[in-house]
Amino acid sequence: VLRKLQLSNRHELTRWATARRLV
């Protein structure tokens, strides 16, 4: 579960970074 959560968190972080970069 922790591994899956970490992976999801990493994906979310990347998405957030992309959104921030887009703005």
C-alpha atoms as a PDB file:
ATOM      1  CA  VAL A   1       0.000   0.000   0.000  1.00  0.00           C
ATOM      2  CA  LEU A   2       2.775   2.401   0.914  1.00  0.00           C
ATOM      3  CA  ARG A   3       4.520   1.678  -2.356  1.00  0.00           C
ATOM      4  CA  LYS A   4       1.356   2.346  -4.330  1.00  0.00           C
ATOM      5  CA  LEU A   5       0.712   5.528  -2.369  1.00  0.00           C
ATOM      6  CA  GLN A   6       4.256   6.724  -3.010  1.00  0.00           C
ATOM      7  CA  LEU A   7       3.894   6.034  -6.720  1.00  0.00           C
ATOM      8  CA  SER A   8       0.599   7.887  -6.830  1.00  0.00           C
ATOM      9  CA  ASN A   9       2.130  10.757  -4.892  1.00  0.00           C
ATOM     10  CA  ARG A  10       5.007  10.914  -7.364  1.00  0.00           C
ATOM     11  CA  HIS A  11       2.597  11.012 -10.289  1.00  0.00           C
ATOM     12  CA  GLU A  12       0.565  13.718  -8.587  1.00  0.00           C
ATOM     13  CA  LEU A  13       3.715  15.715  -7.926  1.00  0.00           C
ATOM     14  CA  THR A  14       4.703  15.456 -11.591  1.00  0.00           C
ATOM     15  CA  ARG A  15       1.244  16.539 -12.663  1.00  0.00           C
ATOM     16  CA  TRP A  16       1.369  19.454 -10.250  1.00  0.00           C
ATOM     17  CA  ALA A  17       4.799  20.466 -11.534  1.00  0.00           C
ATOM     18  CA  THR A  18       3.550  20.288 -15.115  1.00  0.00           C
ATOM     19  CA  ALA A  19       0.479  22.361 -14.312  1.00  0.00           C
ATOM     20  CA  ARG A  20       2.604  24.931 -12.489  1.00  0.00           C
ATOM     21  CA  ARG A  21       5.064  25.054 -15.387  1.00  0.00           C
ATOM     22  CA  LEU A  22       2.189  25.490 -17.826  1.00  0.00           C
ATOM     23  CA  VAL A  23       0.865  28.476 -15.901  1.00  0.00           C
END
